[in-house]
Amino acid sequence: MSKRLYLTKEFCLITFVSTQHALRAEKILDQHQKIEFVLMPTPREISGGCGLSIKCYCFQSDIIREFLQRDEINVNGVYEYKKCKDNKVIKKIKAGQE
């Protein structure tokens, strides 16, 4: 994990239907060295089927979804997340498997 991704204020969160899918996603993405991601707890503001999410740069979210779809990992949704001074802006940009 890069420190830059860890500290960024604008990123995407990919949520999953189950913890098993999130852990399998982490294993698959670990094989792709050019993809930066972090497995993290899903924020309370986002309801999902699982308590784990993948944090990534938004420009990589589509390619991550492609990798996961190839291995039949069920994605619950993709959220754009922006941290502002005193609040957070969360916007769902993609639903599950489209």
N, C-alpha and C. Protein backbone atom coordinates (compact mmCIF):
# COMPACT_ATOMS: atom_id res chain seq x y z
N MET A 1 0.84 -1.18 0.00
CA MET A 1 0.00 0.00 0.00
C MET A 1 0.89 1.24 0.00
N SER A 2 0.50 2.20 -0.80
CA SER A 2 1.27 3.44 -0.82
C SER A 2 0.73 4.39 0.24
N LYS A 3 1.63 5.14 0.81
CA LYS A 3 1.22 6.13 1.81
C LYS A 3 0.31 7.18 1.18
N ARG A 4 0.56 7.46 -0.09
CA ARG A 4 -0.24 8.46 -0.81
C ARG A 4 -1.70 8.04 -0.89
N LEU A 5 -1.97 6.76 -1.21
CA LEU A 5 -3.35 6.28 -1.26
C LEU A 5 -3.97 6.30 0.13
N TYR A 6 -3.21 5.93 1.12
CA TYR A 6 -3.70 5.91 2.49
C TYR A 6 -4.16 7.30 2.93
N LEU A 7 -3.46 8.34 2.51
CA LEU A 7 -3.73 9.71 2.95
C LEU A 7 -4.65 10.51 2.02
N THR A 8 -4.93 9.98 0.84
CA THR A 8 -5.72 10.75 -0.13
C THR A 8 -7.12 11.06 0.39
N LYS A 9 -7.64 12.21 -0.01
CA LYS A 9 -8.96 12.64 0.43
C LYS A 9 -10.04 12.35 -0.60
N GLU A 10 -9.65 11.94 -1.80
CA GLU A 10 -10.60 11.57 -2.85
C GLU A 10 -10.22 10.19 -3.37
N PHE A 11 -11.18 9.26 -3.28
CA PHE A 11 -10.90 7.88 -3.69
C PHE A 11 -12.21 7.17 -3.97
N CYS A 12 -12.12 5.95 -4.40
CA CYS A 12 -13.30 5.11 -4.61
C CYS A 12 -13.26 3.95 -3.63
N LEU A 13 -14.44 3.51 -3.24
CA LEU A 13 -14.59 2.32 -2.42
C LEU A 13 -15.40 1.30 -3.20
N ILE A 14 -14.89 0.09 -3.26
CA ILE A 14 -15.60 -1.01 -3.89
C ILE A 14 -16.10 -1.91 -2.78
N THR A 15 -17.41 -2.10 -2.72
CA THR A 15 -18.01 -2.91 -1.67
C THR A 15 -18.40 -4.28 -2.23
N PHE A 16 -18.56 -5.23 -1.34
CA PHE A 16 -18.81 -6.61 -1.74
C PHE A 16 -20.05 -7.17 -1.06
N VAL A 17 -20.55 -8.27 -1.62
CA VAL A 17 -21.74 -8.90 -1.06
C VAL A 17 -21.41 -9.76 0.16
N SER A 18 -20.14 -10.14 0.30
CA SER A 18 -19.76 -10.96 1.45
C SER A 18 -18.29 -10.76 1.77
N THR A 19 -17.92 -11.09 2.99
CA THR A 19 -16.52 -11.00 3.42
C THR A 19 -15.66 -11.93 2.58
N GLN A 20 -16.17 -13.09 2.25
CA GLN A 20 -15.42 -14.05 1.43
C GLN A 20 -15.04 -13.43 0.09
N HIS A 21 -15.96 -12.69 -0.53
CA HIS A 21 -15.67 -12.04 -1.81
C HIS A 21 -14.62 -10.95 -1.63
N ALA A 22 -14.68 -10.21 -0.56
CA ALA A 22 -13.69 -9.15 -0.30
C ALA A 22 -12.30 -9.75 -0.12
N LEU A 23 -12.19 -10.83 0.61
CA LEU A 23 -10.89 -11.47 0.84
C LEU A 23 -10.34 -12.11 -0.44
N ARG A 24 -11.22 -12.68 -1.24
CA ARG A 24 -10.79 -13.22 -2.54
C ARG A 24 -10.33 -12.09 -3.46
N ALA A 25 -11.03 -10.95 -3.41
CA ALA A 25 -10.65 -9.79 -4.23
C ALA A 25 -9.25 -9.32 -3.84
N GLU A 26 -8.98 -9.25 -2.55
CA GLU A 26 -7.65 -8.83 -2.10
C GLU A 26 -6.58 -9.77 -2.65
N LYS A 27 -6.82 -11.04 -2.60
CA LYS A 27 -5.86 -12.02 -3.09
C LYS A 27 -5.60 -11.85 -4.60
N ILE A 28 -6.67 -11.62 -5.35
CA ILE A 28 -6.54 -11.43 -6.80
C ILE A 28 -5.80 -10.14 -7.11
N LEU A 29 -6.14 -9.06 -6.43
CA LEU A 29 -5.51 -7.77 -6.72
C LEU A 29 -4.05 -7.72 -6.29
N ASP A 30 -3.68 -8.52 -5.29
CA ASP A 30 -2.28 -8.59 -4.88
C ASP A 30 -1.38 -9.06 -6.02
N GLN A 31 -1.93 -9.77 -6.98
CA GLN A 31 -1.16 -10.29 -8.12
C GLN A 31 -0.87 -9.21 -9.16
N HIS A 32 -1.56 -8.09 -9.10
CA HIS A 32 -1.41 -7.01 -10.08
C HIS A 32 -0.65 -5.86 -9.42
N GLN A 33 0.63 -5.79 -9.69
CA GLN A 33 1.51 -4.84 -9.00
C GLN A 33 1.22 -3.38 -9.32
N LYS A 34 0.61 -3.09 -10.45
CA LYS A 34 0.37 -1.69 -10.81
C LYS A 34 -0.92 -1.14 -10.21
N ILE A 35 -1.69 -1.97 -9.55
CA ILE A 35 -2.93 -1.52 -8.93
C ILE A 35 -2.67 -1.23 -7.46
N GLU A 36 -2.97 0.00 -7.07
CA GLU A 36 -2.84 0.37 -5.66
C GLU A 36 -4.20 0.27 -5.01
N PHE A 37 -4.25 -0.43 -3.89
CA PHE A 37 -5.51 -0.60 -3.18
C PHE A 37 -5.23 -0.89 -1.72
N VAL A 38 -6.26 -0.74 -0.92
CA VAL A 38 -6.20 -1.05 0.51
C VAL A 38 -7.50 -1.77 0.87
N LEU A 39 -7.41 -2.87 1.57
CA LEU A 39 -8.60 -3.52 2.12
C LEU A 39 -8.88 -2.82 3.44
N MET A 40 -10.11 -2.33 3.60
CA MET A 40 -10.43 -1.55 4.79
C MET A 40 -11.87 -1.83 5.23
N PRO A 41 -12.20 -1.47 6.46
CA PRO A 41 -13.60 -1.60 6.89
C PRO A 41 -14.50 -0.67 6.07
N THR A 42 -15.68 -1.15 5.74
CA THR A 42 -16.64 -0.33 5.02
C THR A 42 -17.17 0.75 5.97
N PRO A 43 -17.12 2.02 5.55
CA PRO A 43 -17.62 3.10 6.41
C PRO A 43 -19.10 2.91 6.73
N ARG A 44 -19.51 3.37 7.88
CA ARG A 44 -20.92 3.24 8.31
C ARG A 44 -21.89 3.94 7.38
N GLU A 45 -21.42 4.99 6.72
CA GLU A 45 -22.29 5.76 5.82
C GLU A 45 -22.73 4.92 4.61
N ILE A 46 -22.01 3.87 4.35
CA ILE A 46 -22.32 3.01 3.21
C ILE A 46 -22.86 1.71 3.75
N SER A 47 -24.09 1.42 3.41
CA SER A 47 -24.62 0.13 3.83
C SER A 47 -24.26 -0.89 2.76
N GLY A 48 -23.87 -2.04 3.18
CA GLY A 48 -23.51 -3.07 2.23
C GLY A 48 -23.67 -4.43 2.84
N GLY A 49 -23.45 -5.43 2.06
CA GLY A 49 -23.59 -6.79 2.54
C GLY A 49 -22.37 -7.25 3.31
N CYS A 50 -21.31 -6.47 3.29
CA CYS A 50 -20.05 -6.91 3.87
C CYS A 50 -19.41 -5.75 4.62
N GLY A 51 -18.62 -6.07 5.62
CA GLY A 51 -17.95 -5.05 6.40
C GLY A 51 -16.59 -4.64 5.87
N LEU A 52 -16.19 -5.18 4.71
CA LEU A 52 -14.90 -4.86 4.12
C LEU A 52 -15.08 -4.25 2.73
N SER A 53 -14.19 -3.32 2.40
CA SER A 53 -14.20 -2.66 1.10
C SER A 53 -12.78 -2.55 0.57
N ILE A 54 -12.67 -2.34 -0.72
CA ILE A 54 -11.39 -2.04 -1.35
C ILE A 54 -11.35 -0.53 -1.58
N LYS A 55 -10.33 0.12 -1.05
CA LYS A 55 -10.10 1.54 -1.31
C LYS A 55 -9.10 1.62 -2.45
N CYS A 56 -9.44 2.44 -3.47
CA CYS A 56 -8.55 2.56 -4.62
C CYS A 56 -8.71 3.96 -5.22
N TYR A 57 -7.82 4.27 -6.15
CA TYR A 57 -8.00 5.50 -6.91
C TYR A 57 -9.16 5.29 -7.89
N CYS A 58 -9.96 6.30 -8.09
CA CYS A 58 -11.14 6.16 -8.95
C CYS A 58 -10.76 5.81 -10.39
N PHE A 59 -9.62 6.29 -10.86
CA PHE A 59 -9.24 5.98 -12.24
C PHE A 59 -8.90 4.50 -12.42
N GLN A 60 -8.71 3.76 -11.32
CA GLN A 60 -8.42 2.33 -11.41
C GLN A 60 -9.64 1.47 -11.09
N SER A 61 -10.75 2.06 -10.71
CA SER A 61 -11.90 1.26 -10.26
C SER A 61 -12.48 0.38 -11.37
N ASP A 62 -12.52 0.86 -12.61
CA ASP A 62 -13.08 0.05 -13.70
C ASP A 62 -12.22 -1.17 -14.00
N ILE A 63 -10.91 -1.00 -14.02
CA ILE A 63 -10.03 -2.14 -14.30
C ILE A 63 -10.07 -3.14 -13.14
N ILE A 64 -10.20 -2.65 -11.94
CA ILE A 64 -10.34 -3.54 -10.78
C ILE A 64 -11.61 -4.37 -10.91
N ARG A 65 -12.71 -3.73 -11.28
CA ARG A 65 -13.97 -4.46 -11.48
C ARG A 65 -13.83 -5.52 -12.56
N GLU A 66 -13.11 -5.20 -13.63
CA GLU A 66 -12.90 -6.18 -14.70
C GLU A 66 -12.15 -7.40 -14.18
N PHE A 67 -11.07 -7.17 -13.44
CA PHE A 67 -10.32 -8.30 -12.86
C PHE A 67 -11.22 -9.15 -11.96
N LEU A 68 -12.03 -8.50 -11.15
CA LEU A 68 -12.88 -9.22 -10.22
C LEU A 68 -14.00 -9.98 -10.93
N GLN A 69 -14.56 -9.40 -11.98
CA GLN A 69 -15.61 -10.09 -12.74
C GLN A 69 -15.08 -11.35 -13.40
N ARG A 70 -13.82 -11.31 -13.88
CA ARG A 70 -13.21 -12.50 -14.50
C ARG A 70 -13.17 -13.67 -13.52
N ASP A 71 -12.98 -13.36 -12.25
CA ASP A 71 -12.89 -14.40 -11.23
C ASP A 71 -14.20 -14.58 -10.46
N GLU A 72 -15.26 -14.03 -11.01
CA GLU A 72 -16.61 -14.18 -10.44
C GLU A 72 -16.72 -13.70 -8.99
N ILE A 73 -16.07 -12.56 -8.72
CA ILE A 73 -16.19 -11.90 -7.42
C ILE A 73 -17.36 -10.93 -7.52
N ASN A 74 -18.34 -11.05 -6.65
CA ASN A 74 -19.52 -10.20 -6.69
C ASN A 74 -19.28 -8.87 -5.99
N VAL A 75 -19.34 -7.81 -6.78
CA VAL A 75 -19.20 -6.45 -6.27
C VAL A 75 -20.59 -5.92 -5.94
N ASN A 76 -20.73 -5.33 -4.77
CA ASN A 76 -22.00 -4.76 -4.35
C ASN A 76 -22.20 -3.36 -4.93
N GLY A 77 -21.13 -2.57 -4.98
CA GLY A 77 -21.22 -1.22 -5.52
C GLY A 77 -19.87 -0.53 -5.51
N VAL A 78 -19.80 0.59 -6.23
CA VAL A 78 -18.61 1.42 -6.26
C VAL A 78 -19.03 2.82 -5.85
N TYR A 79 -18.32 3.38 -4.89
CA TYR A 79 -18.65 4.68 -4.33
C TYR A 79 -17.49 5.65 -4.50
N GLU A 80 -17.82 6.86 -4.90
CA GLU A 80 -16.85 7.94 -4.93
C GLU A 80 -16.90 8.61 -3.56
N TYR A 81 -15.76 8.80 -2.95
CA TYR A 81 -15.69 9.28 -1.57
C TYR A 81 -14.78 10.50 -1.55
N LYS A 82 -15.28 11.60 -1.04
CA LYS A 82 -14.49 12.84 -0.93
C LYS A 82 -14.57 13.34 0.50
N LYS A 83 -13.43 13.54 1.09
CA LYS A 83 -13.37 14.11 2.44
C LYS A 83 -13.14 15.61 2.31
N CYS A 84 -14.05 16.37 2.88
CA CYS A 84 -13.91 17.82 2.92
C CYS A 84 -13.52 18.20 4.34
N LYS A 85 -13.41 19.47 4.61
CA LYS A 85 -12.98 19.91 5.93
C LYS A 85 -13.76 19.26 7.06
N ASP A 86 -15.06 19.46 7.08
CA ASP A 86 -15.86 19.00 8.20
C ASP A 86 -16.86 17.90 7.85
N ASN A 87 -16.83 17.43 6.61
CA ASN A 87 -17.78 16.39 6.24
C ASN A 87 -17.23 15.48 5.15
N LYS A 88 -18.04 14.52 4.78
CA LYS A 88 -17.67 13.57 3.74
C LYS A 88 -18.77 13.59 2.70
N VAL A 89 -18.38 13.49 1.45
CA VAL A 89 -19.35 13.40 0.37
C VAL A 89 -19.18 12.01 -0.23
N ILE A 90 -20.26 11.23 -0.19
CA ILE A 90 -20.21 9.88 -0.72
C ILE A 90 -21.28 9.77 -1.81
N LYS A 91 -20.87 9.28 -2.97
CA LYS A 91 -21.79 9.16 -4.10
C LYS A 91 -21.62 7.80 -4.74
N LYS A 92 -22.70 7.04 -4.84
CA LYS A 92 -22.62 5.74 -5.49
C LYS A 92 -22.53 5.99 -6.99
N ILE A 93 -21.48 5.47 -7.62
CA ILE A 93 -21.30 5.71 -9.04
C ILE A 93 -21.59 4.48 -9.88
N LYS A 94 -21.59 3.30 -9.27
CA LYS A 94 -21.95 2.08 -9.99
C LYS A 94 -22.61 1.11 -9.04
N ALA A 95 -23.62 0.45 -9.55
CA ALA A 95 -24.27 -0.61 -8.75
C ALA A 95 -23.47 -1.88 -8.94
N GLY A 96 -23.91 -2.96 -8.35
CA GLY A 96 -23.24 -4.25 -8.40
C GLY A 96 -22.77 -4.66 -9.78
N GLN A 97 -22.96 -5.88 -10.16
CA GLN A 97 -22.50 -6.40 -11.44
C GLN A 97 -23.36 -5.85 -12.56
N GLU A 98 -22.83 -4.89 -13.30
CA GLU A 98 -23.57 -4.28 -14.42
C GLU A 98 -23.12 -4.88 -15.72
